[in-house]
């Protein structure tokens, strides 16, 4: 349902995460950032991977380019996702800043109270990860299938024994990782359910994870939902 500003404004609070999808013909690229500042008509974003986005060969990232945008808001303990069309106004590569227009209309989705959401969280979302059994140097690449309140799941080609401890490394694309170990956590295998031949959903519960990273995992999952 569309609303008009003045009735149901997003707050555009500093550090709120944003995902923009820029499309060119049948190709697209997702750009992630967090709100750094706002003016009457614009939103200034901090985009940690800006140089990587600008160097892509699929879609030109330039001023006046339109983008389908999701904004995740946590206001007064209520979590909402806003979707709107925006336009790139300015790019400052040296400072990893992108300035976009504020929308005139939007759609929104209410996820409810943050505390209840966290305790019942279970969403399908793909995040690229690297993982290995603890103490084993060989690393494998994969993608998460689900993120839930106390763990994750992913697809594996073989079952992994229960209670195996796995170390997972990932990057939330709108976070700047000053401490390298902050992007890693450990999980324990609960079960590997066979989905089809040579495909198992392996369910993993958190063993040790930084609270900030756990928050970002849940936040990223919501940011990638449809409104």
N, C-alpha and C. Protein backbone atom coordinates (compact mmCIF):
# COMPACT_ATOMS: atom_id res chain seq x y z
N UNK A 1 0.84 -1.19 0.00
CA UNK A 1 0.00 0.00 0.00
C UNK A 1 0.88 1.24 0.00
N UNK A 2 0.63 2.17 -0.91
CA UNK A 2 1.45 3.36 -1.01
C UNK A 2 0.97 4.40 -0.01
N UNK A 3 1.93 5.14 0.53
CA UNK A 3 1.61 6.24 1.42
C UNK A 3 2.24 7.50 0.91
N UNK A 4 1.89 8.63 1.47
CA UNK A 4 2.49 9.91 1.13
C UNK A 4 3.21 10.42 2.36
N UNK A 5 4.32 11.13 2.12
CA UNK A 5 5.04 11.70 3.24
C UNK A 5 4.13 12.65 4.00
N UNK A 6 4.30 12.71 5.30
CA UNK A 6 3.41 13.48 6.15
C UNK A 6 2.44 12.55 6.86
N UNK A 7 2.21 11.38 6.29
CA UNK A 7 1.31 10.40 6.91
C UNK A 7 2.10 9.25 7.55
N UNK A 8 3.15 8.82 6.86
CA UNK A 8 3.80 7.59 7.30
C UNK A 8 5.28 7.59 6.91
N UNK A 9 5.95 8.69 7.18
CA UNK A 9 7.34 8.85 6.74
C UNK A 9 8.28 7.81 7.33
N UNK A 10 9.21 7.28 6.53
CA UNK A 10 10.36 6.59 7.12
C UNK A 10 11.16 7.63 7.91
N UNK A 11 11.89 7.20 8.91
CA UNK A 11 12.63 8.16 9.74
C UNK A 11 13.95 8.59 9.10
N UNK A 12 14.50 7.77 8.16
CA UNK A 12 15.81 8.05 7.54
C UNK A 12 16.87 8.30 8.61
N UNK A 13 16.85 7.47 9.65
CA UNK A 13 17.79 7.63 10.76
C UNK A 13 19.20 7.25 10.34
N UNK A 14 20.18 7.93 10.91
CA UNK A 14 21.59 7.63 10.66
C UNK A 14 21.87 6.17 11.01
N UNK A 15 22.65 5.50 10.16
CA UNK A 15 23.07 4.09 10.28
C UNK A 15 21.99 3.11 9.85
N UNK A 16 20.82 3.58 9.42
CA UNK A 16 19.83 2.66 8.88
C UNK A 16 20.37 2.04 7.59
N UNK A 17 20.26 0.71 7.40
CA UNK A 17 20.79 0.08 6.20
C UNK A 17 19.86 0.23 5.00
N UNK A 18 20.48 0.36 3.83
CA UNK A 18 19.75 0.52 2.58
C UNK A 18 20.32 -0.44 1.53
N UNK A 19 19.42 -1.02 0.74
CA UNK A 19 19.81 -1.84 -0.41
C UNK A 19 19.19 -1.21 -1.66
N UNK A 20 20.04 -0.91 -2.66
CA UNK A 20 19.56 -0.35 -3.92
C UNK A 20 19.85 -1.33 -5.05
N UNK A 21 18.86 -1.57 -5.89
CA UNK A 21 19.03 -2.42 -7.07
C UNK A 21 18.98 -1.56 -8.31
N UNK A 22 20.11 -1.51 -9.01
CA UNK A 22 20.22 -0.71 -10.24
C UNK A 22 20.15 -1.66 -11.42
N UNK A 23 19.26 -1.35 -12.36
CA UNK A 23 18.99 -2.27 -13.49
C UNK A 23 19.39 -1.64 -14.82
N UNK A 24 19.96 -2.46 -15.68
CA UNK A 24 20.30 -2.05 -17.05
C UNK A 24 19.92 -3.20 -17.97
N UNK A 25 18.83 -3.00 -18.75
CA UNK A 25 18.30 -4.07 -19.62
C UNK A 25 17.96 -5.28 -18.75
N UNK A 26 18.59 -6.43 -19.02
CA UNK A 26 18.27 -7.63 -18.24
C UNK A 26 19.32 -7.93 -17.18
N UNK A 27 20.17 -6.94 -16.87
CA UNK A 27 21.21 -7.11 -15.85
C UNK A 27 20.95 -6.16 -14.69
N UNK A 28 21.47 -6.52 -13.53
CA UNK A 28 21.28 -5.68 -12.36
C UNK A 28 22.43 -5.87 -11.38
N UNK A 29 22.54 -4.91 -10.47
CA UNK A 29 23.53 -5.01 -9.39
C UNK A 29 22.91 -4.46 -8.12
N UNK A 30 23.18 -5.11 -6.99
CA UNK A 30 22.70 -4.65 -5.69
C UNK A 30 23.80 -3.85 -5.00
N UNK A 31 23.43 -2.68 -4.49
CA UNK A 31 24.36 -1.79 -3.80
C UNK A 31 23.88 -1.62 -2.36
N UNK A 32 24.79 -1.79 -1.40
CA UNK A 32 24.43 -1.69 0.01
C UNK A 32 25.17 -0.55 0.69
N UNK A 33 24.46 0.16 1.56
CA UNK A 33 25.07 1.23 2.33
C UNK A 33 24.27 1.52 3.57
N UNK A 34 24.75 2.46 4.37
CA UNK A 34 24.02 2.92 5.54
C UNK A 34 23.90 4.44 5.49
N UNK A 35 22.84 4.95 6.07
CA UNK A 35 22.61 6.39 6.03
C UNK A 35 23.64 7.12 6.88
N UNK A 36 24.31 8.08 6.25
CA UNK A 36 25.33 8.90 6.91
C UNK A 36 24.75 10.25 7.33
N UNK A 37 23.87 10.78 6.47
CA UNK A 37 23.31 12.11 6.72
C UNK A 37 22.10 12.29 5.81
N UNK A 38 21.26 13.26 6.12
CA UNK A 38 20.13 13.58 5.26
C UNK A 38 19.96 15.09 5.14
N UNK A 39 19.37 15.52 4.03
CA UNK A 39 18.96 16.90 3.86
C UNK A 39 17.47 16.88 3.53
N UNK A 40 16.92 18.01 3.17
CA UNK A 40 15.50 18.08 2.86
C UNK A 40 15.11 17.15 1.71
N UNK A 41 15.99 17.04 0.70
CA UNK A 41 15.64 16.29 -0.51
C UNK A 41 16.54 15.09 -0.80
N UNK A 42 17.61 14.90 -0.02
CA UNK A 42 18.56 13.84 -0.34
C UNK A 42 18.93 13.00 0.88
N UNK A 43 19.47 11.82 0.58
CA UNK A 43 20.00 10.91 1.59
C UNK A 43 21.45 10.63 1.24
N UNK A 44 22.34 10.84 2.19
CA UNK A 44 23.77 10.57 1.97
C UNK A 44 24.11 9.22 2.57
N UNK A 45 24.66 8.34 1.74
CA UNK A 45 24.97 6.98 2.16
C UNK A 45 26.47 6.74 2.26
N UNK A 46 26.87 5.98 3.27
CA UNK A 46 28.23 5.46 3.34
C UNK A 46 28.19 4.08 2.70
N UNK A 47 29.01 3.88 1.65
CA UNK A 47 28.97 2.63 0.88
C UNK A 47 30.38 2.01 0.92
N UNK A 48 30.65 1.09 1.85
CA UNK A 48 32.00 0.52 2.01
C UNK A 48 32.56 -0.10 0.72
N UNK A 49 31.73 -0.74 -0.09
CA UNK A 49 32.21 -1.42 -1.31
C UNK A 49 31.99 -0.58 -2.56
N UNK A 50 31.98 0.74 -2.42
CA UNK A 50 31.66 1.62 -3.55
C UNK A 50 32.57 1.40 -4.75
N UNK A 51 33.87 1.29 -4.54
CA UNK A 51 34.80 1.11 -5.68
C UNK A 51 34.52 -0.19 -6.41
N UNK A 52 34.13 -1.23 -5.67
CA UNK A 52 33.80 -2.52 -6.29
C UNK A 52 32.54 -2.40 -7.14
N UNK A 53 31.55 -1.69 -6.63
CA UNK A 53 30.32 -1.50 -7.41
C UNK A 53 30.59 -0.70 -8.68
N UNK A 54 31.39 0.33 -8.57
CA UNK A 54 31.66 1.20 -9.73
C UNK A 54 32.45 0.48 -10.82
N UNK A 55 33.24 -0.51 -10.44
CA UNK A 55 34.08 -1.21 -11.41
C UNK A 55 33.39 -2.41 -12.04
N UNK A 56 32.13 -2.67 -11.68
CA UNK A 56 31.43 -3.81 -12.26
C UNK A 56 31.21 -3.60 -13.76
N UNK A 57 31.12 -4.70 -14.49
CA UNK A 57 30.96 -4.64 -15.96
C UNK A 57 29.53 -4.89 -16.42
N UNK A 58 28.59 -4.97 -15.49
CA UNK A 58 27.22 -5.29 -15.85
C UNK A 58 26.35 -4.05 -15.99
N UNK A 59 26.44 -3.16 -15.02
CA UNK A 59 25.53 -2.02 -14.94
C UNK A 59 26.32 -0.74 -14.63
N UNK A 60 26.16 0.33 -15.40
CA UNK A 60 26.84 1.59 -15.08
C UNK A 60 26.23 2.24 -13.84
N UNK A 61 27.07 2.61 -12.89
CA UNK A 61 26.62 3.28 -11.66
C UNK A 61 27.01 4.75 -11.81
N UNK A 62 26.05 5.57 -12.21
CA UNK A 62 26.32 6.98 -12.52
C UNK A 62 25.18 7.86 -12.01
N UNK A 63 25.44 9.16 -11.82
CA UNK A 63 24.35 10.07 -11.45
C UNK A 63 23.21 10.03 -12.46
N UNK A 64 22.00 10.22 -11.95
CA UNK A 64 20.74 10.18 -12.69
C UNK A 64 20.25 8.77 -12.96
N UNK A 65 20.99 7.77 -12.49
CA UNK A 65 20.54 6.39 -12.62
C UNK A 65 19.50 6.11 -11.52
N UNK A 66 18.40 5.49 -11.90
CA UNK A 66 17.35 5.15 -10.93
C UNK A 66 17.65 3.83 -10.24
N UNK A 67 17.10 3.66 -9.05
CA UNK A 67 17.33 2.43 -8.29
C UNK A 67 16.09 2.07 -7.49
N UNK A 68 15.76 0.78 -7.46
CA UNK A 68 14.71 0.26 -6.59
C UNK A 68 15.34 0.06 -5.22
N UNK A 69 14.77 0.68 -4.19
CA UNK A 69 15.47 0.80 -2.91
C UNK A 69 14.67 0.25 -1.74
N UNK A 70 15.35 -0.52 -0.88
CA UNK A 70 14.79 -0.97 0.38
C UNK A 70 15.50 -0.27 1.53
N UNK A 71 14.74 0.22 2.50
CA UNK A 71 15.27 0.85 3.70
C UNK A 71 14.71 0.13 4.91
N UNK A 72 15.59 -0.35 5.79
CA UNK A 72 15.14 -1.03 7.01
C UNK A 72 15.16 -0.05 8.16
N UNK A 73 14.03 0.05 8.85
CA UNK A 73 13.89 1.02 9.94
C UNK A 73 13.51 0.31 11.23
N UNK A 74 14.21 0.66 12.31
CA UNK A 74 13.85 0.20 13.65
C UNK A 74 13.56 1.44 14.48
N UNK A 75 12.28 1.74 14.65
CA UNK A 75 11.87 2.97 15.31
C UNK A 75 10.92 2.64 16.45
N UNK A 76 11.28 3.08 17.65
CA UNK A 76 10.45 2.84 18.84
C UNK A 76 10.17 1.35 19.04
N UNK A 77 11.17 0.52 18.70
CA UNK A 77 11.04 -0.92 18.90
C UNK A 77 10.21 -1.64 17.87
N UNK A 78 9.78 -0.92 16.80
CA UNK A 78 9.01 -1.52 15.72
C UNK A 78 9.87 -1.55 14.46
N UNK A 79 9.93 -2.71 13.81
CA UNK A 79 10.78 -2.88 12.62
C UNK A 79 9.92 -2.83 11.36
N UNK A 80 10.32 -1.97 10.43
CA UNK A 80 9.61 -1.84 9.16
C UNK A 80 10.60 -1.84 8.00
N UNK A 81 10.12 -2.29 6.85
CA UNK A 81 10.89 -2.25 5.61
C UNK A 81 10.15 -1.35 4.63
N UNK A 82 10.84 -0.33 4.12
CA UNK A 82 10.26 0.59 3.15
C UNK A 82 10.88 0.33 1.78
N UNK A 83 10.05 0.40 0.75
CA UNK A 83 10.51 0.23 -0.62
C UNK A 83 10.08 1.45 -1.44
N UNK A 84 11.02 1.98 -2.23
CA UNK A 84 10.71 3.16 -3.04
C UNK A 84 11.71 3.29 -4.19
N UNK A 85 11.36 4.10 -5.17
CA UNK A 85 12.26 4.43 -6.26
C UNK A 85 13.08 5.66 -5.86
N UNK A 86 14.37 5.61 -6.14
CA UNK A 86 15.24 6.74 -5.86
C UNK A 86 16.16 6.97 -7.05
N UNK A 87 16.89 8.05 -7.02
CA UNK A 87 17.82 8.37 -8.10
C UNK A 87 19.18 8.75 -7.51
N UNK A 88 20.24 8.24 -8.13
CA UNK A 88 21.60 8.60 -7.71
C UNK A 88 21.86 10.05 -8.11
N UNK A 89 22.27 10.88 -7.15
CA UNK A 89 22.52 12.29 -7.40
C UNK A 89 24.00 12.62 -7.50
N UNK A 90 24.80 11.96 -6.66
CA UNK A 90 26.23 12.28 -6.61
C UNK A 90 27.00 11.09 -6.07
N UNK A 91 28.24 10.94 -6.55
CA UNK A 91 29.12 9.87 -6.08
C UNK A 91 30.46 10.48 -5.70
N UNK A 92 30.90 10.26 -4.46
CA UNK A 92 32.20 10.75 -4.00
C UNK A 92 33.04 9.54 -3.64
N UNK A 93 33.79 9.03 -4.62
CA UNK A 93 34.51 7.77 -4.46
C UNK A 93 35.55 7.85 -3.34
N UNK A 94 36.26 8.97 -3.24
CA UNK A 94 37.34 9.09 -2.25
C UNK A 94 36.82 8.93 -0.82
N UNK A 95 35.56 9.27 -0.59
CA UNK A 95 34.98 9.16 0.75
C UNK A 95 33.97 8.01 0.85
N UNK A 96 33.81 7.26 -0.26
CA UNK A 96 32.86 6.14 -0.34
C UNK A 96 31.45 6.61 0.02
N UNK A 97 31.08 7.75 -0.56
CA UNK A 97 29.77 8.36 -0.32
C UNK A 97 28.94 8.35 -1.60
N UNK A 98 27.67 8.01 -1.45
CA UNK A 98 26.72 8.11 -2.56
C UNK A 98 25.52 8.91 -2.05
N UNK A 99 25.11 9.90 -2.84
CA UNK A 99 23.96 10.72 -2.48
C UNK A 99 22.80 10.34 -3.38
N UNK A 100 21.64 10.05 -2.78
CA UNK A 100 20.45 9.66 -3.53
C UNK A 100 19.29 10.58 -3.15
N UNK A 101 18.27 10.57 -3.98
CA UNK A 101 17.09 11.41 -3.73
C UNK A 101 16.17 10.75 -2.72
N UNK A 102 15.45 11.59 -1.95
CA UNK A 102 14.38 11.07 -1.10
C UNK A 102 13.17 10.77 -1.98
N UNK A 103 12.40 9.75 -1.63
CA UNK A 103 11.25 9.38 -2.47
C UNK A 103 10.02 10.26 -2.21
N UNK A 104 9.14 10.28 -3.19
CA UNK A 104 7.86 10.97 -3.04
C UNK A 104 6.76 10.02 -2.58
N UNK A 105 6.94 8.72 -2.84
CA UNK A 105 5.98 7.72 -2.40
C UNK A 105 6.72 6.43 -2.13
N UNK A 106 6.07 5.53 -1.41
CA UNK A 106 6.75 4.31 -1.01
C UNK A 106 5.74 3.24 -0.63
N UNK A 107 6.23 2.01 -0.52
CA UNK A 107 5.49 0.91 0.07
C UNK A 107 6.18 0.53 1.37
N UNK A 108 5.45 -0.07 2.29
CA UNK A 108 6.09 -0.48 3.54
C UNK A 108 5.55 -1.82 4.02
N UNK A 109 6.38 -2.50 4.80
CA UNK A 109 6.01 -3.79 5.39
C UNK A 109 6.39 -3.76 6.86
N UNK A 110 5.43 -4.07 7.71
CA UNK A 110 5.64 -4.02 9.15
C UNK A 110 5.99 -5.42 9.66
N UNK A 111 7.19 -5.56 10.25
CA UNK A 111 7.60 -6.85 10.80
C UNK A 111 7.22 -7.00 12.27
N UNK A 112 6.71 -5.92 12.88
CA UNK A 112 6.26 -5.99 14.26
C UNK A 112 7.34 -5.61 15.26
N UNK A 113 7.15 -6.01 16.51
CA UNK A 113 8.06 -5.64 17.58
C UNK A 113 9.41 -6.34 17.43
N UNK A 114 10.48 -5.57 17.62
CA UNK A 114 11.83 -6.09 17.40
C UNK A 114 12.14 -7.29 18.31
N UNK A 115 11.75 -7.22 19.59
CA UNK A 115 12.05 -8.31 20.53
C UNK A 115 11.37 -9.61 20.12
N UNK A 116 10.11 -9.52 19.71
CA UNK A 116 9.39 -10.72 19.29
C UNK A 116 9.94 -11.25 17.98
N UNK A 117 10.33 -10.34 17.09
CA UNK A 117 10.88 -10.74 15.80
C UNK A 117 12.17 -11.54 15.97
N UNK A 118 13.05 -11.06 16.85
CA UNK A 118 14.33 -11.74 17.08
C UNK A 118 14.12 -13.14 17.63
N UNK A 119 13.19 -13.32 18.56
CA UNK A 119 13.00 -14.62 19.20
C UNK A 119 12.32 -15.64 18.28
N UNK A 120 11.64 -15.17 17.22
CA UNK A 120 10.95 -16.08 16.30
C UNK A 120 11.52 -16.02 14.88
N UNK A 121 12.71 -15.52 14.74
CA UNK A 121 13.26 -15.24 13.42
C UNK A 121 13.55 -16.51 12.63
N UNK A 122 13.12 -16.55 11.37
CA UNK A 122 13.41 -17.67 10.47
C UNK A 122 13.05 -17.23 9.05
N UNK A 123 14.06 -16.85 8.27
CA UNK A 123 13.81 -16.36 6.91
C UNK A 123 14.78 -16.99 5.93
N UNK A 124 14.32 -17.17 4.71
CA UNK A 124 15.21 -17.63 3.64
C UNK A 124 15.98 -16.43 3.10
N UNK A 125 17.29 -16.55 3.04
CA UNK A 125 18.12 -15.48 2.48
C UNK A 125 19.48 -16.07 2.10
N UNK A 126 20.00 -15.62 0.96
CA UNK A 126 21.31 -16.08 0.49
C UNK A 126 22.39 -15.09 0.90
N UNK A 127 23.39 -15.58 1.62
CA UNK A 127 24.59 -14.79 1.93
C UNK A 127 25.79 -15.67 1.58
N UNK A 128 26.70 -15.14 0.80
CA UNK A 128 27.89 -15.90 0.43
C UNK A 128 28.78 -16.08 1.66
N UNK A 129 29.22 -17.31 1.87
CA UNK A 129 30.06 -17.61 3.03
C UNK A 129 31.23 -18.51 2.63
N UNK A 130 32.22 -18.55 3.49
CA UNK A 130 33.28 -19.55 3.43
C UNK A 130 33.24 -20.30 4.77
N UNK A 131 33.46 -21.60 4.72
CA UNK A 131 33.37 -22.36 5.97
C UNK A 131 34.31 -23.55 5.95
N UNK A 132 34.68 -24.00 7.14
CA UNK A 132 35.53 -25.19 7.28
C UNK A 132 35.32 -25.79 8.66
N UNK A 133 35.53 -27.09 8.75
CA UNK A 133 35.48 -27.74 10.06
C UNK A 133 36.61 -27.16 10.91
N UNK A 134 36.30 -26.87 12.15
CA UNK A 134 37.27 -26.24 13.04
C UNK A 134 38.54 -27.08 13.12
N UNK A 135 39.69 -26.45 12.86
CA UNK A 135 40.97 -27.15 12.90
C UNK A 135 41.38 -27.74 11.57
N UNK A 136 40.48 -27.67 10.57
CA UNK A 136 40.80 -28.18 9.22
C UNK A 136 41.05 -26.99 8.30
N UNK A 137 42.21 -26.90 7.66
CA UNK A 137 42.55 -25.71 6.88
C UNK A 137 41.77 -25.55 5.58
N UNK A 138 41.25 -26.66 5.03
CA UNK A 138 40.55 -26.58 3.75
C UNK A 138 39.23 -25.84 3.89
N UNK A 139 39.07 -24.77 3.10
CA UNK A 139 37.87 -23.94 3.17
C UNK A 139 36.97 -24.17 1.97
N UNK A 140 35.67 -24.20 2.19
CA UNK A 140 34.70 -24.34 1.11
C UNK A 140 33.85 -23.08 1.01
N UNK A 141 33.35 -22.83 -0.20
CA UNK A 141 32.47 -21.68 -0.40
C UNK A 141 31.03 -22.17 -0.53
N UNK A 142 30.09 -21.36 -0.08
CA UNK A 142 28.69 -21.72 -0.18
C UNK A 142 27.82 -20.50 0.03
N UNK A 143 26.52 -20.75 0.16
CA UNK A 143 25.55 -19.69 0.45
C UNK A 143 24.60 -20.17 1.52
N UNK A 144 24.22 -19.26 2.40
CA UNK A 144 23.21 -19.63 3.39
C UNK A 144 21.89 -19.89 2.69
N UNK A 145 21.07 -20.73 3.29
CA UNK A 145 19.71 -20.96 2.81
C UNK A 145 18.71 -20.27 3.74
N UNK A 146 18.90 -20.45 5.04
CA UNK A 146 18.04 -19.80 6.01
C UNK A 146 18.88 -19.15 7.10
N UNK A 147 18.34 -18.06 7.65
CA UNK A 147 18.90 -17.44 8.85
C UNK A 147 17.80 -17.49 9.90
N UNK A 148 18.10 -18.02 11.08
CA UNK A 148 17.09 -18.04 12.13
C UNK A 148 17.68 -17.52 13.43
N UNK A 149 16.88 -17.42 14.47
CA UNK A 149 17.28 -16.70 15.67
C UNK A 149 18.50 -17.28 16.36
N UNK A 150 18.75 -18.58 16.21
CA UNK A 150 19.90 -19.17 16.88
C UNK A 150 20.83 -19.93 15.94
N UNK A 151 20.78 -19.60 14.64
CA UNK A 151 21.69 -20.27 13.72
C UNK A 151 21.39 -20.00 12.26
N UNK A 152 21.96 -20.84 11.42
CA UNK A 152 21.80 -20.72 9.97
C UNK A 152 21.65 -22.12 9.39
N UNK A 153 21.28 -22.18 8.11
CA UNK A 153 21.37 -23.45 7.39
C UNK A 153 21.93 -23.17 6.01
N UNK A 154 22.51 -24.19 5.40
CA UNK A 154 23.03 -24.09 4.04
C UNK A 154 22.90 -25.43 3.37
N UNK A 155 23.02 -25.43 2.04
CA UNK A 155 22.98 -26.68 1.29
C UNK A 155 24.38 -27.24 1.14
N UNK A 156 24.52 -28.54 1.39
CA UNK A 156 25.80 -29.23 1.21
C UNK A 156 25.57 -30.47 0.34
N UNK A 157 26.63 -30.90 -0.33
CA UNK A 157 26.50 -32.05 -1.24
C UNK A 157 26.57 -33.38 -0.51
N UNK A 158 27.08 -33.35 0.72
CA UNK A 158 27.15 -34.57 1.55
C UNK A 158 26.67 -34.20 2.95
N UNK A 159 26.17 -35.18 3.71
CA UNK A 159 25.78 -34.89 5.09
C UNK A 159 27.00 -34.63 5.96
N UNK A 160 26.88 -33.72 6.90
CA UNK A 160 27.96 -33.43 7.84
C UNK A 160 27.56 -34.00 9.20
N UNK A 161 28.43 -34.76 9.85
CA UNK A 161 28.08 -35.41 11.12
C UNK A 161 27.61 -34.41 12.17
N UNK A 162 26.64 -34.84 12.96
CA UNK A 162 26.13 -34.02 14.06
C UNK A 162 27.26 -33.66 15.03
N UNK A 163 27.15 -32.48 15.60
CA UNK A 163 28.07 -31.92 16.60
C UNK A 163 29.41 -31.49 16.01
N UNK A 164 29.57 -31.61 14.67
CA UNK A 164 30.78 -31.07 14.05
C UNK A 164 30.78 -29.55 14.24
N UNK A 165 31.92 -28.99 14.66
CA UNK A 165 32.04 -27.54 14.84
C UNK A 165 32.58 -26.93 13.54
N UNK A 166 31.84 -25.97 13.02
CA UNK A 166 32.18 -25.32 11.75
C UNK A 166 32.51 -23.85 12.02
N UNK A 167 33.58 -23.38 11.38
CA UNK A 167 33.90 -21.95 11.43
C UNK A 167 33.41 -21.31 10.15
N UNK A 168 32.65 -20.22 10.28
CA UNK A 168 32.05 -19.54 9.14
C UNK A 168 32.60 -18.13 9.03
N UNK A 169 32.92 -17.74 7.80
CA UNK A 169 33.39 -16.38 7.53
C UNK A 169 32.48 -15.76 6.48
N UNK A 170 32.07 -14.52 6.69
CA UNK A 170 31.19 -13.85 5.73
C UNK A 170 31.43 -12.35 5.77
N UNK A 171 30.80 -11.64 4.84
CA UNK A 171 30.85 -10.19 4.81
C UNK A 171 29.44 -9.64 4.63
N UNK A 172 28.96 -8.86 5.59
CA UNK A 172 27.74 -8.08 5.39
C UNK A 172 28.18 -6.85 4.60
N UNK A 173 27.67 -6.63 3.40
CA UNK A 173 28.28 -5.65 2.48
C UNK A 173 28.18 -4.18 2.88
N UNK A 174 27.37 -3.84 3.88
CA UNK A 174 27.31 -2.44 4.29
C UNK A 174 28.07 -2.18 5.59
N UNK A 175 28.84 -3.17 6.05
CA UNK A 175 29.60 -3.03 7.28
C UNK A 175 31.08 -2.90 6.97
N UNK A 176 31.75 -1.98 7.66
CA UNK A 176 33.20 -1.85 7.54
C UNK A 176 33.84 -2.69 8.65
N UNK A 177 34.64 -3.67 8.26
CA UNK A 177 35.25 -4.58 9.22
C UNK A 177 36.64 -4.08 9.59
N UNK A 178 36.72 -3.44 10.74
CA UNK A 178 38.01 -2.94 11.22
C UNK A 178 38.79 -4.08 11.86
N UNK A 179 38.10 -4.90 12.64
CA UNK A 179 38.71 -6.08 13.24
C UNK A 179 38.37 -7.29 12.39
N UNK A 180 39.37 -7.95 11.83
CA UNK A 180 39.15 -9.04 10.89
C UNK A 180 38.32 -10.18 11.47
N UNK A 181 38.52 -10.49 12.74
CA UNK A 181 37.83 -11.64 13.33
C UNK A 181 36.35 -11.37 13.58
N UNK A 182 35.91 -10.14 13.44
CA UNK A 182 34.52 -9.81 13.68
C UNK A 182 33.59 -10.39 12.61
N UNK A 183 34.16 -10.85 11.48
CA UNK A 183 33.31 -11.42 10.43
C UNK A 183 33.26 -12.94 10.52
N UNK A 184 33.77 -13.52 11.61
CA UNK A 184 33.79 -14.97 11.75
C UNK A 184 32.99 -15.41 12.98
N UNK A 185 32.40 -16.60 12.88
CA UNK A 185 31.72 -17.18 14.02
C UNK A 185 31.75 -18.69 13.89
N UNK A 186 31.45 -19.39 14.98
CA UNK A 186 31.43 -20.85 14.94
C UNK A 186 30.02 -21.36 15.19
N UNK A 187 29.73 -22.50 14.56
CA UNK A 187 28.42 -23.14 14.67
C UNK A 187 28.60 -24.64 14.87
N UNK A 188 27.56 -25.28 15.38
CA UNK A 188 27.58 -26.72 15.58
C UNK A 188 26.50 -27.36 14.71
N UNK A 189 26.83 -28.45 14.04
CA UNK A 189 25.88 -29.13 13.16
C UNK A 189 24.80 -29.83 14.00
N UNK A 190 23.55 -29.48 13.71
CA UNK A 190 22.41 -30.11 14.38
C UNK A 190 21.91 -31.30 13.57
N UNK A 191 21.79 -31.12 12.28
CA UNK A 191 21.37 -32.21 11.39
C UNK A 191 21.65 -31.84 9.94
N UNK A 192 21.71 -32.87 9.08
CA UNK A 192 21.79 -32.69 7.63
C UNK A 192 20.61 -33.43 7.02
N UNK A 193 19.60 -32.68 6.58
CA UNK A 193 18.39 -33.29 6.00
C UNK A 193 18.56 -33.43 4.50
N UNK A 194 18.32 -34.64 3.98
CA UNK A 194 18.46 -34.85 2.55
C UNK A 194 17.26 -34.25 1.81
N UNK A 195 17.55 -33.38 0.84
CA UNK A 195 16.53 -32.72 0.03
C UNK A 195 16.32 -33.48 -1.27
N UNK A 196 17.41 -33.85 -1.88
CA UNK A 196 17.41 -34.65 -3.11
C UNK A 196 18.78 -35.31 -3.21
N UNK A 197 19.02 -36.04 -4.29
CA UNK A 197 20.30 -36.74 -4.42
C UNK A 197 21.45 -35.74 -4.38
N UNK A 198 22.41 -35.98 -3.50
CA UNK A 198 23.59 -35.13 -3.33
C UNK A 198 23.24 -33.69 -2.95
N UNK A 199 22.13 -33.51 -2.23
CA UNK A 199 21.77 -32.18 -1.74
C UNK A 199 21.15 -32.31 -0.35
N UNK A 200 21.81 -31.70 0.63
CA UNK A 200 21.37 -31.76 2.01
C UNK A 200 21.23 -30.33 2.56
N UNK A 201 20.17 -30.11 3.35
CA UNK A 201 20.10 -28.86 4.10
C UNK A 201 20.74 -29.13 5.46
N UNK A 202 21.89 -28.51 5.68
CA UNK A 202 22.62 -28.70 6.93
C UNK A 202 22.29 -27.56 7.88
N UNK A 203 21.73 -27.92 9.02
CA UNK A 203 21.28 -26.94 10.01
C UNK A 203 22.36 -26.76 11.07
N UNK A 204 22.70 -25.51 11.35
CA UNK A 204 23.81 -25.18 12.24
C UNK A 204 23.35 -24.19 13.31
N UNK A 205 23.60 -24.53 14.56
CA UNK A 205 23.30 -23.61 15.66
C UNK A 205 24.56 -22.84 16.06
N UNK A 206 24.38 -21.58 16.46
CA UNK A 206 25.51 -20.77 16.89
C UNK A 206 26.19 -21.39 18.10
N UNK A 207 27.52 -21.45 18.05
CA UNK A 207 28.33 -21.82 19.21
C UNK A 207 28.92 -20.57 19.83
N UNK A 208 29.56 -19.75 18.97
CA UNK A 208 30.17 -18.51 19.42
C UNK A 208 30.05 -17.48 18.31
N UNK A 209 29.36 -16.37 18.59
CA UNK A 209 29.16 -15.32 17.60
C UNK A 209 29.11 -13.97 18.29
N UNK A 210 29.74 -12.98 17.70
CA UNK A 210 29.68 -11.62 18.22
C UNK A 210 28.25 -11.11 18.12
N UNK A 211 27.76 -10.49 19.18
CA UNK A 211 26.37 -10.01 19.20
C UNK A 211 26.09 -9.03 18.06
N UNK A 212 27.08 -8.21 17.73
CA UNK A 212 26.91 -7.26 16.64
C UNK A 212 26.73 -7.95 15.31
N UNK A 213 27.53 -9.00 15.08
CA UNK A 213 27.43 -9.75 13.82
C UNK A 213 26.09 -10.48 13.73
N UNK A 214 25.63 -11.03 14.83
CA UNK A 214 24.32 -11.71 14.85
C UNK A 214 23.22 -10.72 14.48
N UNK A 215 23.30 -9.51 15.03
CA UNK A 215 22.33 -8.47 14.73
C UNK A 215 22.35 -8.14 13.24
N UNK A 216 23.55 -8.01 12.67
CA UNK A 216 23.66 -7.67 11.26
C UNK A 216 23.12 -8.79 10.36
N UNK A 217 23.31 -10.04 10.76
CA UNK A 217 22.77 -11.16 9.99
C UNK A 217 21.25 -11.09 9.91
N UNK A 218 20.60 -10.82 11.05
CA UNK A 218 19.15 -10.72 11.06
C UNK A 218 18.70 -9.50 10.26
N UNK A 219 19.39 -8.40 10.44
CA UNK A 219 19.07 -7.15 9.76
C UNK A 219 19.20 -7.31 8.24
N UNK A 220 20.29 -7.93 7.80
CA UNK A 220 20.54 -8.16 6.38
C UNK A 220 19.45 -9.05 5.77
N UNK A 221 19.00 -10.03 6.54
CA UNK A 221 17.94 -10.93 6.07
C UNK A 221 16.65 -10.15 5.82
N UNK A 222 16.30 -9.26 6.74
CA UNK A 222 15.09 -8.45 6.58
C UNK A 222 15.22 -7.48 5.41
N UNK A 223 16.41 -6.90 5.26
CA UNK A 223 16.65 -5.93 4.20
C UNK A 223 16.44 -6.54 2.81
N UNK A 224 16.64 -7.85 2.72
CA UNK A 224 16.52 -8.53 1.43
C UNK A 224 15.16 -9.20 1.20
N UNK A 225 14.17 -8.82 1.98
CA UNK A 225 12.82 -9.33 1.78
C UNK A 225 12.06 -8.44 0.81
N UNK A 226 10.99 -8.97 0.22
CA UNK A 226 10.15 -8.19 -0.68
C UNK A 226 9.08 -7.46 0.13
N UNK A 227 8.73 -6.26 -0.33
CA UNK A 227 7.68 -5.48 0.32
C UNK A 227 6.37 -5.75 -0.40
